[in-house]
Amino acid sequence: MKAKVILGFALATALAMGSYLAQAQGGVVVSNQNAQQIALLHWYAANQTTQIPVGSYPTSLAFDGASMWVANGSSNTVTKIRTSDGTILGTFGAGSGPTALAFDGANIWVADGGNNTVTKLQASTGATLGSVAVGSYPYAMAFDGTNVWVVNAYGNSVTKIQASNLAVVGTYTVGNTPVALAFDGTYLWVSNLGGSSISKILANTGLTVATYTVPQNPWGLAFDGTNLWVVSEYNNTVVKVQASTGTVLGSFPVGYTPTSVAFDGANVWVGNVGNNTVTKLQASTGANLGTFSVGSNPRAVAFDGTNIWVANEISNTVSKL
């Protein structure tokens, strides 16, 4: 029941380091860390309260190499933000109830949960290049180098779309209520919220090669190059799973009601919607490196190569950390 309620709810900066001051959205914020500490940690303390306004109910993020894209679920739009300084570069129409985003190297893909379609936008201009029907309630996406994959949360399936021409290659059955995707270079991983499992799918065929049991209510997924990180929303933990075997290597406590996770090259970041924080874990050991306040209901996290971004769905903002 808890999973259904939460799923229904979810679905319905510039930094001046030399003076240790940051110009935030509401004024000047003083950092109590020195510049070297900030740089080495990739953690900009002066930005902890900096939030950039976007559309209504931001639920997903995708980085295109220069800009961060935000899906605004209740505004039926996506917002493009220049990551270097937080400038809004544009807001573009995106179907009905956008729930998820993916980048294919040239284009942004938007899952439109309100009309069971996926829309392709040119990343450079925001122009709509086409759309395609998928399964019931598309909720997450991933790009495998050639194809875009979509999880259909109410259809218990994933759809594979050829990125070049929007052709549907196939739709494949997975577990109950799939809500997240991750690609490890060979396999697609699917988090099955209702089935307390993750599915491992061979990307070139769509064949499910294994299904592994994980703690209750698995939500967000992230791949760190060797292992998969699975958020357990019910248990307030994130689980580390060996991708080659499916073996659970550890379970680590995070904040309350975690639903999203991202890897920054060394650390794993988890968004905790229940207490408006993100938790930073060392990927090699699982050690907790800190928990940091963000906006209300941090639904999505993403990494831009330097900073972590958080979509705060109730605050209608994104935070840059």
C-alpha atoms as a PDB file:
ATOM      1  CA  MET A   1       0.000   0.000   0.000  1.00  0.00           C
ATOM      2  CA  LYS A   2       2.796   2.399   0.897  1.00  0.00           C
ATOM      3  CA  ALA A   3       4.403   1.874  -2.483  1.00  0.00           C
ATOM      4  CA  LYS A   4       1.137   2.562  -4.318  1.00  0.00           C
ATOM      5  CA  VAL A   5       0.456   5.746  -2.391  1.00  0.00           C
ATOM      6  CA  ILE A   6       3.952   7.107  -2.949  1.00  0.00           C
ATOM      7  CA  LEU A   7       3.992   6.107  -6.610  1.00  0.00           C
ATOM      8  CA  GLY A   8       0.661   7.808  -7.167  1.00  0.00           C
ATOM      9  CA  PHE A   9       1.942  10.980  -5.504  1.00  0.00           C
ATOM     10  CA  ALA A  10       5.098  10.970  -7.506  1.00  0.00           C
ATOM     11  CA  LEU A  11       3.377  10.284 -10.774  1.00  0.00           C
ATOM     12  CA  ALA A  12       0.216  12.817 -10.062  1.00  0.00           C
ATOM     13  CA  THR A  13      24.683  29.735  -8.811  1.00  0.00           C
ATOM     14  CA  ALA A  14      27.328  31.098  -9.342  1.00  0.00           C
ATOM     15  CA  LEU A  15      30.115  30.476  -6.781  1.00  0.00           C
ATOM     16  CA  ALA A  16      32.721  33.155  -5.893  1.00  0.00           C
ATOM     17  CA  MET A  17      35.353  31.015  -4.198  1.00  0.00           C
ATOM     18  CA  GLY A  18      38.115  33.563  -3.532  1.00  0.00           C
ATOM     19  CA  SER A  19      36.043  35.446  -0.942  1.00  0.00           C
ATOM     20  CA  TYR A  20      34.157  32.366   0.257  1.00  0.00           C
ATOM     21  CA  LEU A  21      30.936  33.972  -0.791  1.00  0.00           C
ATOM     22  CA  ALA A  22      28.289  32.718  -3.168  1.00  0.00           C
ATOM     23  CA  GLN A  23      25.686  34.774  -4.907  1.00  0.00           C
ATOM     24  CA  ALA A  24      22.499  32.787  -4.346  1.00  0.00           C
ATOM     25  CA  GLN A  25      18.959  33.318  -5.570  1.00  0.00           C
ATOM     26  CA  GLY A  26      17.937  35.269  -2.500  1.00  0.00           C
ATOM     27  CA  GLY A  27      21.163  37.021  -1.565  1.00  0.00           C
ATOM     28  CA  VAL A  28      24.700  36.286  -0.444  1.00  0.00           C
ATOM     29  CA  VAL A  29      25.397  33.011   1.327  1.00  0.00           C
ATOM     30  CA  VAL A  30      28.587  32.637   3.348  1.00  0.00           C
ATOM     31  CA  SER A  31      30.504  29.382   3.086  1.00  0.00           C
ATOM     32  CA  ASN A  32      32.362  28.125   6.147  1.00  0.00           C
ATOM     33  CA  GLN A  33      34.577  25.858   4.053  1.00  0.00           C
ATOM     34  CA  ASN A  34      37.709  27.081   2.325  1.00  0.00           C
ATOM     35  CA  ALA A  35      38.079  26.993  -1.422  1.00  0.00           C
ATOM     36  CA  GLN A  36      40.345  23.960  -1.484  1.00  0.00           C
ATOM     37  CA  GLN A  37      37.980  21.899   0.630  1.00  0.00           C
ATOM     38  CA  ILE A  38      35.080  22.813  -1.577  1.00  0.00           C
ATOM     39  CA  ALA A  39      36.922  21.958  -4.786  1.00  0.00           C
ATOM     40  CA  LEU A  40      38.294  18.656  -3.568  1.00  0.00           C
ATOM     41  CA  LEU A  41      34.960  17.476  -2.280  1.00  0.00           C
ATOM     42  CA  HIS A  42      33.016  18.613  -5.330  1.00  0.00           C
ATOM     43  CA  TRP A  43      30.661  19.906  -2.705  1.00  0.00           C
ATOM     44  CA  TYR A  44      29.806  23.592  -2.804  1.00  0.00           C
ATOM     45  CA  ALA A  45      28.536  24.411   0.675  1.00  0.00           C
ATOM     46  CA  ALA A  46      27.599  27.911  -0.441  1.00  0.00           C
ATOM     47  CA  ASN A  47      25.091  26.404  -2.832  1.00  0.00           C
ATOM     48  CA  GLN A  48      23.232  24.244  -0.350  1.00  0.00           C
ATOM     49  CA  THR A  49      20.395  26.779  -0.165  1.00  0.00           C
ATOM     50  CA  THR A  50      20.601  27.891  -3.794  1.00  0.00           C
ATOM     51  CA  GLN A  51      17.611  26.779  -5.807  1.00  0.00           C
ATOM     52  CA  ILE A  52      16.736  27.594  -9.405  1.00  0.00           C
ATOM     53  CA  PRO A  53      13.015  27.952 -10.189  1.00  0.00           C
ATOM     54  CA  VAL A  54      11.670  25.701 -12.921  1.00  0.00           C
ATOM     55  CA  GLY A  55       8.206  24.515 -13.878  1.00  0.00           C
ATOM     56  CA  SER A  56       5.596  22.850 -11.753  1.00  0.00           C
ATOM     57  CA  TYR A  57       6.356  19.470 -10.210  1.00  0.00           C
ATOM     58  CA  PRO A  58       9.859  18.730 -11.551  1.00  0.00           C
ATOM     59  CA  THR A  59      10.337  14.972 -11.507  1.00  0.00           C
ATOM     60  CA  SER A  60      13.320  14.056 -13.691  1.00  0.00           C
ATOM     61  CA  LEU A  61      16.729  15.329 -14.836  1.00  0.00           C
ATOM     62  CA  ALA A  62      19.073  14.662 -17.759  1.00  0.00           C
ATOM     63  CA  PHE A  63      22.456  16.199 -18.625  1.00  0.00           C
ATOM     64  CA  ASP A  64      23.399  16.786 -22.268  1.00  0.00           C
ATOM     65  CA  GLY A  65      27.044  17.724 -21.793  1.00  0.00           C
ATOM     66  CA  ALA A  66      26.434  21.455 -21.311  1.00  0.00           C
ATOM     67  CA  SER A  67      22.905  21.844 -19.987  1.00  0.00           C
ATOM     68  CA  MET A  68      20.661  20.179 -17.457  1.00  0.00           C
ATOM     69  CA  TRP A  69      17.149  19.346 -18.572  1.00  0.00           C
ATOM     70  CA  VAL A  70      14.249  19.196 -16.145  1.00  0.00           C
ATOM     71  CA  ALA A  71      10.893  17.503 -16.706  1.00  0.00           C
ATOM     72  CA  ASN A  72       8.064  19.593 -15.226  1.00  0.00           C
ATOM     73  CA  GLY A  73       5.316  17.073 -14.598  1.00  0.00           C
ATOM     74  CA  SER A  74       2.396  19.418 -14.013  1.00  0.00           C
ATOM     75  CA  SER A  75       3.433  22.107 -16.518  1.00  0.00           C
ATOM     76  CA  ASN A  76       3.742  19.731 -19.473  1.00  0.00           C
ATOM     77  CA  THR A  77       7.121  21.277 -20.228  1.00  0.00           C
ATOM     78  CA  VAL A  78      10.853  20.692 -19.970  1.00  0.00           C
ATOM     79  CA  THR A  79      13.328  23.356 -18.852  1.00  0.00           C
ATOM     80  CA  LYS A  80      16.888  23.671 -20.180  1.00  0.00           C
ATOM     81  CA  ILE A  81      19.442  25.130 -17.732  1.00  0.00           C
ATOM     82  CA  ARG A  82      23.055  26.035 -18.505  1.00  0.00           C
ATOM     83  CA  THR A  83      24.980  24.125 -15.848  1.00  0.00           C
ATOM     84  CA  SER A  84      27.907  26.547 -15.639  1.00  0.00           C
ATOM     85  CA  ASP A  85      25.844  29.420 -14.213  1.00  0.00           C
ATOM     86  CA  GLY A  86      22.240  28.261 -13.787  1.00  0.00           C
ATOM     87  CA  THR A  87      20.851  30.393 -16.609  1.00  0.00           C
ATOM     88  CA  ILE A  88      17.492  29.212 -17.977  1.00  0.00           C
ATOM     89  CA  LEU A  89      18.032  28.716 -21.720  1.00  0.00           C
ATOM     90  CA  GLY A  90      14.485  27.785 -22.565  1.00  0.00           C
ATOM     91  CA  THR A  91      11.269  26.026 -21.645  1.00  0.00           C
ATOM     92  CA  PHE A  92       9.698  23.745 -24.214  1.00  0.00           C
ATOM     93  CA  GLY A  93       6.425  21.898 -24.578  1.00  0.00           C
ATOM     94  CA  ALA A  94       6.643  18.177 -23.922  1.00  0.00           C
ATOM     95  CA  GLY A  95       3.426  16.223 -24.265  1.00  0.00           C
ATOM     96  CA  SER A  96       1.296  15.494 -21.226  1.00  0.00           C
ATOM     97  CA  GLY A  97       2.647  14.871 -17.731  1.00  0.00           C
ATOM     98  CA  PRO A  98       6.363  14.397 -18.468  1.00  0.00           C
ATOM     99  CA  THR A  99       7.822  11.899 -16.033  1.00  0.00           C
ATOM    100  CA  ALA A 100      11.310  11.018 -17.297  1.00  0.00           C
ATOM    101  CA  LEU A 101      14.182  12.207 -19.497  1.00  0.00           C
ATOM    102  CA  ALA A 102      17.108  10.666 -21.374  1.00  0.00           C
ATOM    103  CA  PHE A 103      19.866  12.041 -23.639  1.00  0.00           C
ATOM    104  CA  ASP A 104      21.090  10.139 -26.700  1.00  0.00           C
ATOM    105  CA  GLY A 105      24.106  12.288 -27.588  1.00  0.00           C
ATOM    106  CA  ALA A 106      22.138  14.761 -29.703  1.00  0.00           C
ATOM    107  CA  ASN A 107      18.540  14.697 -28.550  1.00  0.00           C
ATOM    108  CA  ILE A 108      16.483  14.771 -25.374  1.00  0.00           C
ATOM    109  CA  TRP A 109      13.799  12.150 -24.935  1.00  0.00           C
ATOM    110  CA  VAL A 110      10.773  12.844 -22.778  1.00  0.00           C
ATOM    111  CA  ALA A 111       8.438  10.206 -21.365  1.00  0.00           C
ATOM    112  CA  ASP A 112       4.906  11.599 -21.377  1.00  0.00           C
ATOM    113  CA  GLY A 113       3.059   9.741 -18.639  1.00  0.00           C
ATOM    114  CA  GLY A 114      -0.240  11.474 -19.361  1.00  0.00           C
ATOM    115  CA  ASN A 115      -0.615  10.131 -22.895  1.00  0.00           C
ATOM    116  CA  ASN A 116       1.606   7.036 -22.971  1.00  0.00           C
ATOM    117  CA  THR A 117       4.050   8.419 -25.502  1.00  0.00           C
ATOM    118  CA  VAL A 118       7.702   9.415 -25.755  1.00  0.00           C
ATOM    119  CA  THR A 119       8.711  12.710 -27.391  1.00  0.00           C
ATOM    120  CA  LYS A 120      12.085  13.411 -29.036  1.00  0.00           C
ATOM    121  CA  LEU A 121      13.477  16.956 -28.803  1.00  0.00           C
ATOM    122  CA  GLN A 122      16.549  18.404 -30.514  1.00  0.00           C
ATOM    123  CA  ALA A 123      18.843  19.279 -27.608  1.00  0.00           C
ATOM    124  CA  SER A 124      20.400  22.280 -29.353  1.00  0.00           C
ATOM    125  CA  THR A 125      17.089  24.021 -30.082  1.00  0.00           C
ATOM    126  CA  GLY A 126      14.335  22.282 -28.123  1.00  0.00           C
ATOM    127  CA  ALA A 127      12.459  21.606 -31.368  1.00  0.00           C
ATOM    128  CA  THR A 128      10.126  18.615 -31.348  1.00  0.00           C
ATOM    129  CA  LEU A 129      11.337  15.938 -33.753  1.00  0.00           C
ATOM    130  CA  GLY A 130       8.538  13.447 -33.237  1.00  0.00           C
ATOM    131  CA  SER A 131       6.800  11.182 -30.779  1.00  0.00           C
ATOM    132  CA  VAL A 132       5.941   7.514 -30.485  1.00  0.00           C
ATOM    133  CA  ALA A 133       3.400   5.491 -28.517  1.00  0.00           C
ATOM    134  CA  VAL A 134       4.710   3.175 -25.813  1.00  0.00           C
ATOM    135  CA  GLY A 135       3.116   1.207 -22.974  1.00  0.00           C
ATOM    136  CA  SER A 136       0.980   2.263 -20.053  1.00  0.00           C
ATOM    137  CA  TYR A 137       2.458   5.091 -17.968  1.00  0.00           C
ATOM    138  CA  PRO A 138       6.064   5.494 -19.174  1.00  0.00           C
ATOM    139  CA  TYR A 139       8.028   6.391 -16.062  1.00  0.00           C
ATOM    140  CA  ALA A 140      11.792   6.029 -16.671  1.00  0.00           C
ATOM    141  CA  MET A 141      14.208   5.904 -19.610  1.00  0.00           C
ATOM    142  CA  ALA A 142      17.782   4.974 -20.514  1.00  0.00           C
ATOM    143  CA  PHE A 143      19.934   5.113 -23.663  1.00  0.00           C
ATOM    144  CA  ASP A 144      22.109   2.140 -24.635  1.00  0.00           C
ATOM    145  CA  GLY A 145      24.131   3.805 -27.397  1.00  0.00           C
ATOM    146  CA  THR A 146      21.659   2.964 -30.140  1.00  0.00           C
ATOM    147  CA  ASN A 147      18.249   2.605 -28.579  1.00  0.00           C
ATOM    148  CA  VAL A 148      16.138   4.364 -25.994  1.00  0.00           C
ATOM    149  CA  TRP A 149      14.477   2.135 -23.404  1.00  0.00           C
ATOM    150  CA  VAL A 150      11.291   3.064 -21.586  1.00  0.00           C
ATOM    151  CA  VAL A 151       9.727   1.416 -18.540  1.00  0.00           C
ATOM    152  CA  ASN A 152       5.945   1.252 -18.632  1.00  0.00           C
ATOM    153  CA  ALA A 153       5.008   1.357 -14.939  1.00  0.00           C
ATOM    154  CA  TYR A 154       1.420   0.256 -15.339  1.00  0.00           C
ATOM    155  CA  GLY A 155       2.144  -2.168 -18.160  1.00  0.00           C
ATOM    156  CA  ASN A 156       4.842  -4.205 -16.380  1.00  0.00           C
ATOM    157  CA  SER A 157       6.992  -3.917 -19.465  1.00  0.00           C
ATOM    158  CA  VAL A 158       9.842  -2.066 -21.159  1.00  0.00           C
ATOM    159  CA  THR A 159       9.782  -0.692 -24.688  1.00  0.00           C
ATOM    160  CA  LYS A 160      12.876  -0.454 -26.909  1.00  0.00           C
ATOM    161  CA  ILE A 161      12.933   2.404 -29.448  1.00  0.00           C
ATOM    162  CA  GLN A 162      15.489   2.938 -32.194  1.00  0.00           C
ATOM    163  CA  ALA A 163      16.811   6.415 -31.457  1.00  0.00           C
ATOM    164  CA  SER A 164      17.562   7.325 -35.054  1.00  0.00           C
ATOM    165  CA  ASN A 165      14.022   6.933 -36.406  1.00  0.00           C
ATOM    166  CA  LEU A 166      11.613   6.478 -33.462  1.00  0.00           C
ATOM    167  CA  ALA A 167      10.804   2.926 -34.565  1.00  0.00           C
ATOM    168  CA  VAL A 168       9.628   0.592 -31.813  1.00  0.00           C
ATOM    169  CA  VAL A 169      11.909  -2.444 -31.822  1.00  0.00           C
ATOM    170  CA  GLY A 170       9.949  -4.378 -29.231  1.00  0.00           C
ATOM    171  CA  THR A 171       8.160  -4.427 -25.902  1.00  0.00           C
ATOM    172  CA  TYR A 172       9.254  -6.912 -23.251  1.00  0.00           C
ATOM    173  CA  THR A 173       7.673  -8.122 -20.035  1.00  0.00           C
ATOM    174  CA  VAL A 174       9.460  -7.397 -16.748  1.00  0.00           C
ATOM    175  CA  GLY A 175       8.385  -7.441 -13.109  1.00  0.00           C
ATOM    176  CA  ASN A 176       5.530  -5.726 -11.320  1.00  0.00           C
ATOM    177  CA  THR A 177       5.428  -1.908 -11.512  1.00  0.00           C
ATOM    178  CA  PRO A 178       8.804  -1.101 -13.095  1.00  0.00           C
ATOM    179  CA  VAL A 179       9.951   2.408 -12.163  1.00  0.00           C
ATOM    180  CA  ALA A 180      13.670   2.770 -12.985  1.00  0.00           C
ATOM    181  CA  LEU A 181      16.304   1.808 -15.556  1.00  0.00           C
ATOM    182  CA  ALA A 182      20.089   1.636 -15.730  1.00  0.00           C
ATOM    183  CA  PHE A 183      22.420   0.479 -18.521  1.00  0.00           C
ATOM    184  CA  ASP A 184      25.727  -1.221 -17.685  1.00  0.00           C
ATOM    185  CA  GLY A 185      27.190  -1.440 -21.184  1.00  0.00           C
ATOM    186  CA  THR A 186      25.632  -4.799 -22.011  1.00  0.00           C
ATOM    187  CA  TYR A 187      22.518  -5.197 -19.933  1.00  0.00           C
ATOM    188  CA  LEU A 188      19.538  -3.071 -19.026  1.00  0.00           C
ATOM    189  CA  TRP A 189      18.518  -3.236 -15.393  1.00  0.00           C
ATOM    190  CA  VAL A 190      14.952  -2.617 -14.328  1.00  0.00           C
ATOM    191  CA  SER A 191      13.746  -1.854 -10.828  1.00  0.00           C
ATOM    192  CA  ASN A 192      10.385  -3.538 -10.160  1.00  0.00           C
ATOM    193  CA  LEU A 193       8.772  -1.558  -7.347  1.00  0.00           C
ATOM    194  CA  GLY A 194       5.825  -3.876  -6.814  1.00  0.00           C
ATOM    195  CA  GLY A 195       7.806  -7.072  -7.111  1.00  0.00           C
ATOM    196  CA  SER A 196      10.760  -6.274  -4.832  1.00  0.00           C
ATOM    197  CA  SER A 197      13.090  -7.375  -7.598  1.00  0.00           C
ATOM    198  CA  ILE A 198      15.403  -6.148 -10.338  1.00  0.00           C
ATOM    199  CA  SER A 199      15.407  -7.571 -13.860  1.00  0.00           C
ATOM    200  CA  LYS A 200      18.558  -7.985 -15.955  1.00  0.00           C
ATOM    201  CA  ILE A 201      17.860  -7.711 -19.699  1.00  0.00           C
ATOM    202  CA  LEU A 202      20.247  -8.331 -22.579  1.00  0.00           C
ATOM    203  CA  ALA A 203      20.095  -5.056 -24.458  1.00  0.00           C
ATOM    204  CA  ASN A 204      20.593  -6.443 -27.967  1.00  0.00           C
ATOM    205  CA  THR A 205      17.727  -8.945 -27.715  1.00  0.00           C
ATOM    206  CA  GLY A 206      15.400  -7.803 -24.919  1.00  0.00           C
ATOM    207  CA  LEU A 207      15.733 -11.210 -23.270  1.00  0.00           C
ATOM    208  CA  THR A 208      15.471 -11.240 -19.478  1.00  0.00           C
ATOM    209  CA  VAL A 209      18.484 -13.272 -18.352  1.00  0.00           C
ATOM    210  CA  ALA A 210      17.929 -13.017 -14.604  1.00  0.00           C
ATOM    211  CA  THR A 211      15.662 -11.596 -11.937  1.00  0.00           C
ATOM    212  CA  TYR A 212      17.074 -10.927  -8.471  1.00  0.00           C
ATOM    213  CA  THR A 213      15.233 -10.347  -5.241  1.00  0.00           C
ATOM    214  CA  VAL A 214      16.146  -7.105  -3.464  1.00  0.00           C
ATOM    215  CA  PRO A 215      14.765  -5.364  -0.375  1.00  0.00           C
ATOM    216  CA  GLN A 216      11.183  -4.146  -0.440  1.00  0.00           C
ATOM    217  CA  ASN A 217      10.112  -1.350  -2.768  1.00  0.00           C
ATOM    218  CA  PRO A 218      13.187  -0.963  -4.983  1.00  0.00           C
ATOM    219  CA  TRP A 219      13.122   2.390  -6.748  1.00  0.00           C
ATOM    220  CA  GLY A 220      16.060   4.294  -8.279  1.00  0.00           C
ATOM    221  CA  LEU A 221      19.022   2.583  -9.952  1.00  0.00           C
ATOM    222  CA  ALA A 222      22.592   3.666 -10.768  1.00  0.00           C
ATOM    223  CA  PHE A 223      25.582   1.799 -12.224  1.00  0.00           C
ATOM    224  CA  ASP A 224      29.084   2.614 -10.918  1.00  0.00           C
ATOM    225  CA  GLY A 225      31.113   0.729 -13.517  1.00  0.00           C
ATOM    226  CA  THR A 226      31.063  -2.573 -11.633  1.00  0.00           C
ATOM    227  CA  ASN A 227      28.100  -2.594  -9.310  1.00  0.00           C
ATOM    228  CA  LEU A 228      24.501  -1.566  -9.350  1.00  0.00           C
ATOM    229  CA  TRP A 229      23.013   0.617  -6.615  1.00  0.00           C
ATOM    230  CA  VAL A 230      19.358   0.042  -5.828  1.00  0.00           C
ATOM    231  CA  VAL A 231      17.318   2.341  -3.620  1.00  0.00           C
ATOM    232  CA  SER A 232      14.991   0.577  -1.186  1.00  0.00           C
ATOM    233  CA  GLU A 233      12.286   3.132  -0.466  1.00  0.00           C
ATOM    234  CA  TYR A 234      10.547   1.045   2.166  1.00  0.00           C
ATOM    235  CA  ASN A 235      13.680   0.252   4.188  1.00  0.00           C
ATOM    236  CA  ASN A 236      15.340   3.689   3.870  1.00  0.00           C
ATOM    237  CA  THR A 237      18.466   2.064   2.466  1.00  0.00           C
ATOM    238  CA  VAL A 238      20.453   1.712  -0.728  1.00  0.00           C
ATOM    239  CA  VAL A 239      21.698  -1.731  -1.731  1.00  0.00           C
ATOM    240  CA  LYS A 240      24.934  -2.460  -3.609  1.00  0.00           C
ATOM    241  CA  VAL A 241      24.583  -5.351  -6.071  1.00  0.00           C
ATOM    242  CA  GLN A 242      27.391  -6.976  -8.056  1.00  0.00           C
ATOM    243  CA  ALA A 243      26.286  -6.583 -11.659  1.00  0.00           C
ATOM    244  CA  SER A 244      28.020  -9.716 -12.923  1.00  0.00           C
ATOM    245  CA  THR A 245      26.329 -12.080 -10.470  1.00  0.00           C
ATOM    246  CA  GLY A 246      23.420 -10.263  -8.834  1.00  0.00           C
ATOM    247  CA  THR A 247      24.992 -10.820  -5.413  1.00  0.00           C
ATOM    248  CA  VAL A 248      24.034  -8.256  -2.766  1.00  0.00           C
ATOM    249  CA  LEU A 249      27.311  -6.800  -1.455  1.00  0.00           C
ATOM    250  CA  GLY A 250      25.867  -4.550   1.198  1.00  0.00           C
ATOM    251  CA  SER A 251      22.959  -2.463   2.388  1.00  0.00           C
ATOM    252  CA  PHE A 252      23.509   1.100   3.635  1.00  0.00           C
ATOM    253  CA  PRO A 253      21.144   3.403   5.537  1.00  0.00           C
ATOM    254  CA  VAL A 254      20.281   6.741   3.978  1.00  0.00           C
ATOM    255  CA  GLY A 255      17.483   9.242   4.635  1.00  0.00           C
ATOM    256  CA  TYR A 256      13.750   8.763   4.842  1.00  0.00           C
ATOM    257  CA  THR A 257      11.867   7.506   1.780  1.00  0.00           C
ATOM    258  CA  PRO A 258      14.714   7.463  -0.752  1.00  0.00           C
ATOM    259  CA  THR A 259      13.639   7.199  -4.373  1.00  0.00           C
ATOM    260  CA  SER A 260      16.539   8.314  -6.604  1.00  0.00           C
ATOM    261  CA  VAL A 261      20.271   7.710  -6.921  1.00  0.00           C
ATOM    262  CA  ALA A 262      23.179   8.967  -9.058  1.00  0.00           C
ATOM    263  CA  PHE A 263      26.895   8.129  -9.351  1.00  0.00           C
ATOM    264  CA  ASP A 264      29.505  10.911  -9.632  1.00  0.00           C
ATOM    265  CA  GLY A 265      32.551   8.810 -10.501  1.00  0.00           C
ATOM    266  CA  ALA A 266      33.484   8.122  -6.883  1.00  0.00           C
ATOM    267  CA  ASN A 267      30.374   8.555  -4.780  1.00  0.00           C
ATOM    268  CA  VAL A 268      26.728   7.641  -4.803  1.00  0.00           C
ATOM    269  CA  TRP A 269      24.105  10.313  -4.085  1.00  0.00           C
ATOM    270  CA  VAL A 270      20.626   9.402  -2.888  1.00  0.00           C
ATOM    271  CA  GLY A 271      17.571  11.667  -2.882  1.00  0.00           C
ATOM    272  CA  ASN A 272      15.417  11.261   0.237  1.00  0.00           C
ATOM    273  CA  VAL A 273      11.935  12.642  -0.425  1.00  0.00           C
ATOM    274  CA  GLY A 274      10.729  12.024   3.120  1.00  0.00           C
ATOM    275  CA  ASN A 275      13.128  14.428   4.820  1.00  0.00           C
ATOM    276  CA  ASN A 276      14.172  16.745   1.962  1.00  0.00           C
ATOM    277  CA  THR A 277      17.810  15.709   1.883  1.00  0.00           C
ATOM    278  CA  VAL A 278      20.422  13.983  -0.243  1.00  0.00           C
ATOM    279  CA  THR A 279      22.884  11.496   1.193  1.00  0.00           C
ATOM    280  CA  LYS A 280      26.434  11.040  -0.147  1.00  0.00           C
ATOM    281  CA  LEU A 281      28.014   7.586   0.117  1.00  0.00           C
ATOM    282  CA  GLN A 282      31.507   6.481  -0.859  1.00  0.00           C
ATOM    283  CA  ALA A 283      30.924   3.955  -3.620  1.00  0.00           C
ATOM    284  CA  SER A 284      33.917   1.770  -2.742  1.00  0.00           C
ATOM    285  CA  THR A 285      32.927   1.255   0.889  1.00  0.00           C
ATOM    286  CA  GLY A 286      29.397   2.537   1.366  1.00  0.00           C
ATOM    287  CA  ALA A 287      30.636   4.953   4.026  1.00  0.00           C
ATOM    288  CA  ASN A 288      28.279   7.847   4.692  1.00  0.00           C
ATOM    289  CA  LEU A 289      30.046  11.106   3.722  1.00  0.00           C
ATOM    290  CA  GLY A 290      27.215  13.411   4.688  1.00  0.00           C
ATOM    291  CA  THR A 291      23.559  14.281   4.368  1.00  0.00           C
ATOM    292  CA  PHE A 292      22.599  17.671   2.960  1.00  0.00           C
ATOM    293  CA  SER A 293      19.383  19.653   2.905  1.00  0.00           C
ATOM    294  CA  VAL A 294      17.804  20.554  -0.434  1.00  0.00           C
ATOM    295  CA  GLY A 295      14.290  21.564  -1.499  1.00  0.00           C
ATOM    296  CA  SER A 296      11.003  19.864  -0.788  1.00  0.00           C
ATOM    297  CA  ASN A 297      10.607  16.307  -2.085  1.00  0.00           C
ATOM    298  CA  PRO A 298      13.914  15.740  -3.911  1.00  0.00           C
ATOM    299  CA  ARG A 299      12.567  13.360  -6.534  1.00  0.00           C
ATOM    300  CA  ALA A 300      15.549  13.101  -8.921  1.00  0.00           C
ATOM    301  CA  VAL A 301      19.338  13.468  -8.779  1.00  0.00           C
ATOM    302  CA  ALA A 302      21.844  13.793 -11.632  1.00  0.00           C
ATOM    303  CA  PHE A 303      25.570  14.506 -12.090  1.00  0.00           C
ATOM    304  CA  ASP A 304      26.981  16.979 -14.632  1.00  0.00           C
ATOM    305  CA  GLY A 305      30.649  16.034 -14.348  1.00  0.00           C
ATOM    306  CA  THR A 306      31.292  18.497 -11.510  1.00  0.00           C
ATOM    307  CA  ASN A 307      28.110  19.070  -9.555  1.00  0.00           C
ATOM    308  CA  ILE A 308      25.087  17.159  -8.361  1.00  0.00           C
ATOM    309  CA  TRP A 309      21.665  18.461  -9.347  1.00  0.00           C
ATOM    310  CA  VAL A 310      18.449  17.719  -7.498  1.00  0.00           C
ATOM    311  CA  ALA A 311      14.878  18.148  -8.714  1.00  0.00           C
ATOM    312  CA  ASN A 312      12.647  19.328  -5.845  1.00  0.00           C
ATOM    313  CA  GLU A 313       9.155  18.471  -6.976  1.00  0.00           C
ATOM    314  CA  ILE A 314       7.159  20.345  -4.309  1.00  0.00           C
ATOM    315  CA  SER A 315       9.428  23.420  -4.260  1.00  0.00           C
ATOM    316  CA  ASN A 316       9.278  23.624  -8.087  1.00  0.00           C
ATOM    317  CA  THR A 317      13.039  24.156  -8.110  1.00  0.00           C
ATOM    318  CA  VAL A 318      16.309  22.406  -8.824  1.00  0.00           C
ATOM    319  CA  SER A 319      19.293  22.553  -6.467  1.00  0.00           C
ATOM    320  CA  LYS A 320      22.906  22.607  -7.667  1.00  0.00           C
ATOM    321  CA  LEU A 321      25.346  21.140  -5.177  1.00  0.00           C
END
